[in-house]
Amino acid sequence: MLNKIIITSVLLASSMSVLALTTAEQKQVDHLISLFKQNNVPAISQSIRYPLTREAPIPTVENAQEMQKRFNQIFDAELRQKIVHSSPQQWDSVGWRGMMFDGGKIWFDGEKITAVNYSSKAEQQLKQQLISNQKQHLHSSLRSFKEPKFSFITKSFQVRIDQLNNGQYRYASWKINQPQSTKPDLILNQGSVKFDGSGDNHYYIFNSGSYRYTIERNVIGANDTAPVRLIVTQTKKVILDQSGKILDNVR
């Protein structure tokens, strides 16, 4: 089953203002389709903007060389055939975000594929294996969850966000040098997620008395935009604001 964030992203994409492709955009899409028709894996791998995010806890794809090794896992036969046999009506122009294929399965800015919101059976099997491995190495207080969202570090903390079986979210944090096998310094439950309207960027909110913990997850933004940001307020006054880095290999 696809990651809830990816599903929500696709649903939001369907509500955006979409336009038919211009002649120039259609030529760009036709070139991309031709690469898939040729099964030109090296060229396709060079036509992707990295890092390419995958469903947690599957590691991101960092570069074209790594993509070539994982190509058939990400672009399986089903997705490749969808692209090869796609019609112009399946590609839409979505303003500054570029173009999307099949309601948001792929995002393309005319030069690079910027997102692949599709998860093959092979990726789903890998995901379940990685989740099982994570649970074995987590502190016992954290082993019950539906699926992990992401872990990140700031200059002071390591934080883990999980979706629970009841659909809510959990926040767990440690000092930056502590492994996740140790007891967290703080656990917050009953978190929620909200989207900012751009389709991919979203944020999680956790309340604890007069404190509010907000985790911004920036999937799309300028090159200097931090992928994640932790903001803590007390009675609406900001007492902590730190940017963070996503962790692929949690400790």
C-alpha atoms as a PDB file:
ATOM      1  CA  MET A   1       0.000   0.000   0.000  1.00  0.00           C
ATOM      2  CA  LEU A   2       1.402   3.367  -0.935  1.00  0.00           C
ATOM      3  CA  ASN A   3       2.721   5.730   1.670  1.00  0.00           C
ATOM      4  CA  LYS A   4      -0.155   7.970   2.893  1.00  0.00           C
ATOM      5  CA  ILE A   5       1.851  11.103   2.111  1.00  0.00           C
ATOM      6  CA  ILE A   6       2.358  10.002  -1.473  1.00  0.00           C
ATOM      7  CA  ILE A   7      -1.338   9.173  -1.874  1.00  0.00           C
ATOM      8  CA  THR A   8      -2.320  12.553  -0.426  1.00  0.00           C
ATOM      9  CA  SER A   9       0.170  14.261  -2.726  1.00  0.00           C
ATOM     10  CA  VAL A  10      -1.455  12.666  -5.744  1.00  0.00           C
ATOM     11  CA  LEU A  11      -4.930  13.632  -4.548  1.00  0.00           C
ATOM     12  CA  LEU A  12      -3.835  17.207  -4.003  1.00  0.00           C
ATOM     13  CA  ALA A  13      -2.288  17.259  -7.444  1.00  0.00           C
ATOM     14  CA  SER A  14      -5.659  16.378  -8.928  1.00  0.00           C
ATOM     15  CA  SER A  15      -7.153  19.503  -7.312  1.00  0.00           C
ATOM     16  CA  MET A  16      -4.518  21.880  -8.702  1.00  0.00           C
ATOM     17  CA  SER A  17      -4.918  24.103 -11.713  1.00  0.00           C
ATOM     18  CA  VAL A  18      -3.638  21.911 -14.540  1.00  0.00           C
ATOM     19  CA  LEU A  19      -3.222  22.807 -18.190  1.00  0.00           C
ATOM     20  CA  ALA A  20      -2.558  20.964 -21.405  1.00  0.00           C
ATOM     21  CA  LEU A  21       1.103  20.819 -22.370  1.00  0.00           C
ATOM     22  CA  THR A  22       2.539  23.495 -24.601  1.00  0.00           C
ATOM     23  CA  THR A  23       4.288  22.440 -27.802  1.00  0.00           C
ATOM     24  CA  ALA A  24       7.672  22.869 -26.117  1.00  0.00           C
ATOM     25  CA  GLU A  25       6.597  20.845 -23.068  1.00  0.00           C
ATOM     26  CA  GLN A  26       5.222  18.076 -25.282  1.00  0.00           C
ATOM     27  CA  LYS A  27       8.606  17.809 -27.029  1.00  0.00           C
ATOM     28  CA  GLN A  28      10.293  17.461 -23.642  1.00  0.00           C
ATOM     29  CA  VAL A  29       7.864  14.756 -22.591  1.00  0.00           C
ATOM     30  CA  ASP A  30       8.255  12.963 -25.938  1.00  0.00           C
ATOM     31  CA  HIS A  31      12.023  12.892 -25.417  1.00  0.00           C
ATOM     32  CA  LEU A  32      11.592  11.367 -21.963  1.00  0.00           C
ATOM     33  CA  ILE A  33       9.161   8.767 -23.308  1.00  0.00           C
ATOM     34  CA  SER A  34      11.616   7.878 -26.081  1.00  0.00           C
ATOM     35  CA  LEU A  35      14.297   7.149 -23.472  1.00  0.00           C
ATOM     36  CA  PHE A  36      11.953   4.668 -21.808  1.00  0.00           C
ATOM     37  CA  LYS A  37      11.045   3.118 -25.160  1.00  0.00           C
ATOM     38  CA  GLN A  38      14.760   2.541 -25.754  1.00  0.00           C
ATOM     39  CA  ASN A  39      15.163   1.346 -22.146  1.00  0.00           C
ATOM     40  CA  ASN A  40      18.122   3.719 -22.010  1.00  0.00           C
ATOM     41  CA  VAL A  41      18.856   3.303 -18.322  1.00  0.00           C
ATOM     42  CA  PRO A  42      22.040   5.462 -18.253  1.00  0.00           C
ATOM     43  CA  ALA A  43      20.282   8.380 -19.976  1.00  0.00           C
ATOM     44  CA  ILE A  44      17.185   8.102 -17.786  1.00  0.00           C
ATOM     45  CA  SER A  45      19.400   7.971 -14.700  1.00  0.00           C
ATOM     46  CA  GLN A  46      21.032  11.210 -15.821  1.00  0.00           C
ATOM     47  CA  SER A  47      17.574  12.746 -16.291  1.00  0.00           C
ATOM     48  CA  ILE A  48      16.662  12.618 -12.592  1.00  0.00           C
ATOM     49  CA  ARG A  49      17.196  15.255  -9.933  1.00  0.00           C
ATOM     50  CA  TYR A  50      18.961  13.804  -6.900  1.00  0.00           C
ATOM     51  CA  PRO A  51      18.549  12.906  -4.176  1.00  0.00           C
ATOM     52  CA  LEU A  52      15.393  11.045  -5.197  1.00  0.00           C
ATOM     53  CA  THR A  53      13.263  10.345  -2.125  1.00  0.00           C
ATOM     54  CA  ARG A  54      11.730   6.916  -1.621  1.00  0.00           C
ATOM     55  CA  GLU A  55       9.204   5.687   0.940  1.00  0.00           C
ATOM     56  CA  ALA A  56      10.693   5.483   4.433  1.00  0.00           C
ATOM     57  CA  PRO A  57      12.650   3.571   5.498  1.00  0.00           C
ATOM     58  CA  ILE A  58      13.890   2.855   1.955  1.00  0.00           C
ATOM     59  CA  PRO A  59      17.054   4.933   1.410  1.00  0.00           C
ATOM     60  CA  THR A  60      16.992   7.829  -1.011  1.00  0.00           C
ATOM     61  CA  VAL A  61      18.756   7.452  -4.348  1.00  0.00           C
ATOM     62  CA  GLU A  62      21.761   9.751  -4.164  1.00  0.00           C
ATOM     63  CA  ASN A  63      23.102   9.793  -7.729  1.00  0.00           C
ATOM     64  CA  ALA A  64      22.820   8.395 -11.258  1.00  0.00           C
ATOM     65  CA  GLN A  65      25.237   5.543 -10.584  1.00  0.00           C
ATOM     66  CA  GLU A  66      23.100   4.328  -7.687  1.00  0.00           C
ATOM     67  CA  MET A  67      19.948   4.742  -9.775  1.00  0.00           C
ATOM     68  CA  GLN A  68      21.295   2.405 -12.440  1.00  0.00           C
ATOM     69  CA  LYS A  69      21.684  -0.284  -9.771  1.00  0.00           C
ATOM     70  CA  ARG A  70      18.157   0.272  -8.427  1.00  0.00           C
ATOM     71  CA  PHE A  71      16.467   1.163 -11.699  1.00  0.00           C
ATOM     72  CA  ASN A  72      14.345  -1.984 -12.136  1.00  0.00           C
ATOM     73  CA  GLN A  73      13.194  -1.784  -8.535  1.00  0.00           C
ATOM     74  CA  ILE A  74      11.953   1.821  -8.886  1.00  0.00           C
ATOM     75  CA  PHE A  75      10.891   1.795 -12.544  1.00  0.00           C
ATOM     76  CA  ASP A  76       9.477  -1.700 -12.727  1.00  0.00           C
ATOM     77  CA  ALA A  77       7.976  -3.192 -15.892  1.00  0.00           C
ATOM     78  CA  GLU A  78       4.486  -1.940 -15.010  1.00  0.00           C
ATOM     79  CA  LEU A  79       5.572   1.695 -14.603  1.00  0.00           C
ATOM     80  CA  ARG A  80       7.818   1.600 -17.660  1.00  0.00           C
ATOM     81  CA  GLN A  81       4.947   0.331 -19.794  1.00  0.00           C
ATOM     82  CA  LYS A  82       2.644   3.040 -18.438  1.00  0.00           C
ATOM     83  CA  ILE A  83       5.158   5.669 -19.527  1.00  0.00           C
ATOM     84  CA  VAL A  84       5.926   4.107 -22.912  1.00  0.00           C
ATOM     85  CA  HIS A  85       2.255   3.783 -23.829  1.00  0.00           C
ATOM     86  CA  SER A  86       1.115   7.038 -22.232  1.00  0.00           C
ATOM     87  CA  SER A  87      -1.126   9.431 -24.112  1.00  0.00           C
ATOM     88  CA  PRO A  88      -0.729  13.244 -24.162  1.00  0.00           C
ATOM     89  CA  GLN A  89      -3.820  13.477 -21.945  1.00  0.00           C
ATOM     90  CA  GLN A  90      -1.922  11.724 -19.134  1.00  0.00           C
ATOM     91  CA  TRP A  91       0.622  14.552 -18.920  1.00  0.00           C
ATOM     92  CA  ASP A  92      -0.374  17.885 -17.399  1.00  0.00           C
ATOM     93  CA  SER A  93       1.351  21.221 -16.885  1.00  0.00           C
ATOM     94  CA  VAL A  94       1.151  22.383 -13.260  1.00  0.00           C
ATOM     95  CA  GLY A  95       2.688  25.870 -13.224  1.00  0.00           C
ATOM     96  CA  TRP A  96       5.981  26.351 -11.394  1.00  0.00           C
ATOM     97  CA  ARG A  97       6.081  22.694 -10.378  1.00  0.00           C
ATOM     98  CA  GLY A  98       6.506  21.533 -13.950  1.00  0.00           C
ATOM     99  CA  MET A  99       4.598  18.598 -15.401  1.00  0.00           C
ATOM    100  CA  MET A 100       3.011  15.549 -13.857  1.00  0.00           C
ATOM    101  CA  PHE A 101       2.257  12.138 -15.300  1.00  0.00           C
ATOM    102  CA  ASP A 102      -0.838  10.085 -14.500  1.00  0.00           C
ATOM    103  CA  GLY A 103      -2.150  12.274 -11.695  1.00  0.00           C
ATOM    104  CA  GLY A 104       1.226  12.704  -9.994  1.00  0.00           C
ATOM    105  CA  LYS A 105       2.986   9.342 -10.298  1.00  0.00           C
ATOM    106  CA  ILE A 106       5.910  11.205 -11.867  1.00  0.00           C
ATOM    107  CA  TRP A 107       6.868  14.880 -11.716  1.00  0.00           C
ATOM    108  CA  PHE A 108       9.028  16.310 -14.500  1.00  0.00           C
ATOM    109  CA  ASP A 109      10.342  19.867 -14.879  1.00  0.00           C
ATOM    110  CA  GLY A 110      11.230  19.530 -18.562  1.00  0.00           C
ATOM    111  CA  GLU A 111      14.840  18.586 -17.910  1.00  0.00           C
ATOM    112  CA  LYS A 112      14.747  16.300 -14.872  1.00  0.00           C
ATOM    113  CA  ILE A 113      12.377  13.895 -13.193  1.00  0.00           C
ATOM    114  CA  THR A 114      11.905  15.506  -9.770  1.00  0.00           C
ATOM    115  CA  ALA A 115       9.737  12.889  -8.029  1.00  0.00           C
ATOM    116  CA  VAL A 116       8.525   9.316  -8.529  1.00  0.00           C
ATOM    117  CA  ASN A 117       5.372   8.767  -6.468  1.00  0.00           C
ATOM    118  CA  TYR A 118       5.109   5.098  -7.345  1.00  0.00           C
ATOM    119  CA  SER A 119       6.190   2.100  -5.308  1.00  0.00           C
ATOM    120  CA  SER A 120       6.775  -1.237  -6.998  1.00  0.00           C
ATOM    121  CA  LYS A 121       6.098  -4.622  -5.414  1.00  0.00           C
ATOM    122  CA  ALA A 122       9.855  -5.050  -4.987  1.00  0.00           C
ATOM    123  CA  GLU A 123      10.104  -1.747  -3.123  1.00  0.00           C
ATOM    124  CA  GLN A 124       7.163  -2.672  -0.913  1.00  0.00           C
ATOM    125  CA  GLN A 125       8.829  -5.973  -0.013  1.00  0.00           C
ATOM    126  CA  LEU A 126      12.054  -4.134   0.793  1.00  0.00           C
ATOM    127  CA  LYS A 127      10.115  -1.609   2.875  1.00  0.00           C
ATOM    128  CA  GLN A 128       8.528  -4.308   5.021  1.00  0.00           C
ATOM    129  CA  GLN A 129      11.878  -6.004   5.517  1.00  0.00           C
ATOM    130  CA  LEU A 130      13.503  -2.733   6.605  1.00  0.00           C
ATOM    131  CA  ILE A 131      10.626  -1.927   8.974  1.00  0.00           C
ATOM    132  CA  SER A 132      10.982  -5.347  10.581  1.00  0.00           C
ATOM    133  CA  ASN A 133      14.726  -4.779  11.001  1.00  0.00           C
ATOM    134  CA  GLN A 134      14.131  -1.334  12.497  1.00  0.00           C
ATOM    135  CA  LYS A 135      11.687  -2.654  15.071  1.00  0.00           C
ATOM    136  CA  GLN A 136      14.251  -5.159  16.282  1.00  0.00           C
ATOM    137  CA  HIS A 137      16.768  -2.385  16.956  1.00  0.00           C
ATOM    138  CA  LEU A 138      14.420   0.251  18.383  1.00  0.00           C
ATOM    139  CA  HIS A 139      13.854   0.841  22.074  1.00  0.00           C
ATOM    140  CA  SER A 140      11.005  -1.348  23.302  1.00  0.00           C
ATOM    141  CA  SER A 141       8.756   1.689  23.885  1.00  0.00           C
ATOM    142  CA  LEU A 142       8.767   2.476  20.154  1.00  0.00           C
ATOM    143  CA  ARG A 143       8.333  -0.902  18.463  1.00  0.00           C
ATOM    144  CA  SER A 144       4.593  -0.626  17.947  1.00  0.00           C
ATOM    145  CA  PHE A 145       3.754   1.452  14.857  1.00  0.00           C
ATOM    146  CA  LYS A 146       2.174   1.136  11.434  1.00  0.00           C
ATOM    147  CA  GLU A 147       4.999   2.621   9.399  1.00  0.00           C
ATOM    148  CA  PRO A 148       7.922   5.009   9.825  1.00  0.00           C
ATOM    149  CA  LYS A 149       7.721   8.449   8.234  1.00  0.00           C
ATOM    150  CA  PHE A 150      11.325   9.679   8.642  1.00  0.00           C
ATOM    151  CA  SER A 151      14.124  10.321  11.107  1.00  0.00           C
ATOM    152  CA  PHE A 152      16.285  13.433  11.142  1.00  0.00           C
ATOM    153  CA  ILE A 153      18.983  15.221  13.079  1.00  0.00           C
ATOM    154  CA  THR A 154      19.391  18.884  13.949  1.00  0.00           C
ATOM    155  CA  LYS A 155      22.409  20.440  15.649  1.00  0.00           C
ATOM    156  CA  SER A 156      20.983  19.355  19.019  1.00  0.00           C
ATOM    157  CA  PHE A 157      18.545  16.483  18.553  1.00  0.00           C
ATOM    158  CA  GLN A 158      17.715  13.278  16.761  1.00  0.00           C
ATOM    159  CA  VAL A 159      13.990  12.907  16.031  1.00  0.00           C
ATOM    160  CA  ARG A 160      11.877  10.055  14.717  1.00  0.00           C
ATOM    161  CA  ILE A 161       8.341  10.367  13.316  1.00  0.00           C
ATOM    162  CA  ASP A 162       6.132   7.272  13.000  1.00  0.00           C
ATOM    163  CA  GLN A 163       2.523   6.719  11.989  1.00  0.00           C
ATOM    164  CA  LEU A 164       0.676   4.651  14.563  1.00  0.00           C
ATOM    165  CA  ASN A 165      -1.936   1.982  13.967  1.00  0.00           C
ATOM    166  CA  ASN A 166      -4.714   4.461  14.885  1.00  0.00           C
ATOM    167  CA  GLY A 167      -3.649   6.800  12.065  1.00  0.00           C
ATOM    168  CA  GLN A 168      -2.097   9.395  14.380  1.00  0.00           C
ATOM    169  CA  TYR A 169       1.595  10.217  14.532  1.00  0.00           C
ATOM    170  CA  ARG A 170       4.283   9.818  17.169  1.00  0.00           C
ATOM    171  CA  TYR A 171       7.283  12.033  17.891  1.00  0.00           C
ATOM    172  CA  ALA A 172      10.315  10.591  19.683  1.00  0.00           C
ATOM    173  CA  SER A 173      13.543  12.501  20.333  1.00  0.00           C
ATOM    174  CA  TRP A 174      16.989  11.914  21.728  1.00  0.00           C
ATOM    175  CA  LYS A 175      20.144  13.930  22.139  1.00  0.00           C
ATOM    176  CA  ILE A 176      21.935  13.951  18.811  1.00  0.00           C
ATOM    177  CA  ASN A 177      24.543  11.350  19.784  1.00  0.00           C
ATOM    178  CA  GLN A 178      22.088   8.795  21.220  1.00  0.00           C
ATOM    179  CA  PRO A 179      21.093   5.682  19.232  1.00  0.00           C
ATOM    180  CA  GLN A 180      17.409   4.894  18.756  1.00  0.00           C
ATOM    181  CA  SER A 181      17.890   1.673  20.700  1.00  0.00           C
ATOM    182  CA  THR A 182      18.035   3.777  23.876  1.00  0.00           C
ATOM    183  CA  LYS A 183      15.029   5.194  25.720  1.00  0.00           C
ATOM    184  CA  PRO A 184      13.854   8.455  24.104  1.00  0.00           C
ATOM    185  CA  ASP A 185      14.101  11.666  26.108  1.00  0.00           C
ATOM    186  CA  LEU A 186      10.648  12.674  24.859  1.00  0.00           C
ATOM    187  CA  ILE A 187       7.698  10.837  23.294  1.00  0.00           C
ATOM    188  CA  LEU A 188       4.631  12.675  22.007  1.00  0.00           C
ATOM    189  CA  ASN A 189       1.568  10.943  20.594  1.00  0.00           C
ATOM    190  CA  GLN A 190      -1.641  12.132  18.901  1.00  0.00           C
ATOM    191  CA  GLY A 191       0.222  14.078  16.235  1.00  0.00           C
ATOM    192  CA  SER A 192      -1.371  15.194  12.984  1.00  0.00           C
ATOM    193  CA  VAL A 193      -0.104  16.051   9.504  1.00  0.00           C
ATOM    194  CA  LYS A 194      -1.120  18.996   7.344  1.00  0.00           C
ATOM    195  CA  PHE A 195      -0.241  19.904   3.767  1.00  0.00           C
ATOM    196  CA  ASP A 196       0.620  23.419   2.692  1.00  0.00           C
ATOM    197  CA  GLY A 197      -1.220  23.167  -0.622  1.00  0.00           C
ATOM    198  CA  SER A 198       1.794  22.604  -2.868  1.00  0.00           C
ATOM    199  CA  GLY A 199       1.223  18.874  -2.935  1.00  0.00           C
ATOM    200  CA  ASP A 200       4.388  17.480  -1.356  1.00  0.00           C
ATOM    201  CA  ASN A 201       5.494  19.872   1.382  1.00  0.00           C
ATOM    202  CA  HIS A 202       3.779  19.161   4.679  1.00  0.00           C
ATOM    203  CA  TYR A 203       4.200  19.505   8.407  1.00  0.00           C
ATOM    204  CA  TYR A 204       3.491  17.515  11.556  1.00  0.00           C
ATOM    205  CA  ILE A 205       2.062  19.041  14.736  1.00  0.00           C
ATOM    206  CA  PHE A 206       2.404  17.687  18.279  1.00  0.00           C
ATOM    207  CA  ASN A 207       1.012  19.417  21.371  1.00  0.00           C
ATOM    208  CA  SER A 208       2.167  18.996  24.960  1.00  0.00           C
ATOM    209  CA  GLY A 209       0.579  21.404  27.421  1.00  0.00           C
ATOM    210  CA  SER A 210       1.643  24.930  26.449  1.00  0.00           C
ATOM    211  CA  TYR A 211       4.280  23.537  24.034  1.00  0.00           C
ATOM    212  CA  ARG A 212       3.777  22.897  20.339  1.00  0.00           C
ATOM    213  CA  TYR A 213       6.280  20.928  18.244  1.00  0.00           C
ATOM    214  CA  THR A 214       6.075  21.544  14.498  1.00  0.00           C
ATOM    215  CA  ILE A 215       8.153  19.546  12.021  1.00  0.00           C
ATOM    216  CA  GLU A 216       8.215  21.009   8.525  1.00  0.00           C
ATOM    217  CA  ARG A 217       8.998  18.473   5.799  1.00  0.00           C
ATOM    218  CA  ASN A 218      10.129  20.354   2.694  1.00  0.00           C
ATOM    219  CA  VAL A 219      10.097  18.008  -0.281  1.00  0.00           C
ATOM    220  CA  ILE A 220       9.986  20.746  -2.929  1.00  0.00           C
ATOM    221  CA  GLY A 221      11.781  24.069  -2.554  1.00  0.00           C
ATOM    222  CA  ALA A 222      14.836  26.117  -3.429  1.00  0.00           C
ATOM    223  CA  ASN A 223      18.231  24.418  -3.397  1.00  0.00           C
ATOM    224  CA  ASP A 224      19.085  26.050  -0.067  1.00  0.00           C
ATOM    225  CA  THR A 225      15.814  24.991   1.611  1.00  0.00           C
ATOM    226  CA  ALA A 226      16.428  22.566   4.471  1.00  0.00           C
ATOM    227  CA  PRO A 227      14.629  19.236   3.952  1.00  0.00           C
ATOM    228  CA  VAL A 228      13.268  19.379   7.491  1.00  0.00           C
ATOM    229  CA  ARG A 229      12.850  22.009  10.190  1.00  0.00           C
ATOM    230  CA  LEU A 230      11.985  21.645  13.876  1.00  0.00           C
ATOM    231  CA  ILE A 231      10.125  24.522  15.537  1.00  0.00           C
ATOM    232  CA  VAL A 232       9.095  24.480  19.198  1.00  0.00           C
ATOM    233  CA  THR A 233       6.825  27.153  20.637  1.00  0.00           C
ATOM    234  CA  GLN A 234       5.662  27.808  24.176  1.00  0.00           C
ATOM    235  CA  THR A 235       2.431  29.777  24.393  1.00  0.00           C
ATOM    236  CA  LYS A 236       2.961  30.733  20.715  1.00  0.00           C
ATOM    237  CA  LYS A 237       6.496  32.075  21.390  1.00  0.00           C
ATOM    238  CA  VAL A 238       9.279  30.361  19.425  1.00  0.00           C
ATOM    239  CA  ILE A 239      11.822  28.861  21.811  1.00  0.00           C
ATOM    240  CA  LEU A 240      13.637  26.588  19.334  1.00  0.00           C
ATOM    241  CA  ASP A 241      14.053  26.693  15.562  1.00  0.00           C
ATOM    242  CA  GLN A 242      16.559  24.302  13.978  1.00  0.00           C
ATOM    243  CA  SER A 243      16.935  22.961  10.449  1.00  0.00           C
ATOM    244  CA  GLY A 244      17.654  19.293  10.030  1.00  0.00           C
ATOM    245  CA  LYS A 245      18.977  16.551   7.789  1.00  0.00           C
ATOM    246  CA  ILE A 246      17.029  13.403   6.928  1.00  0.00           C
ATOM    247  CA  LEU A 247      18.600  10.139   8.084  1.00  0.00           C
ATOM    248  CA  ASP A 248      18.462   7.107   5.818  1.00  0.00           C
ATOM    249  CA  ASN A 249      20.340   4.821   8.141  1.00  0.00           C
ATOM    250  CA  VAL A 250      18.876   5.260  11.618  1.00  0.00           C
ATOM    251  CA  ARG A 251      21.091   4.270  14.493  1.00  0.00           C
END
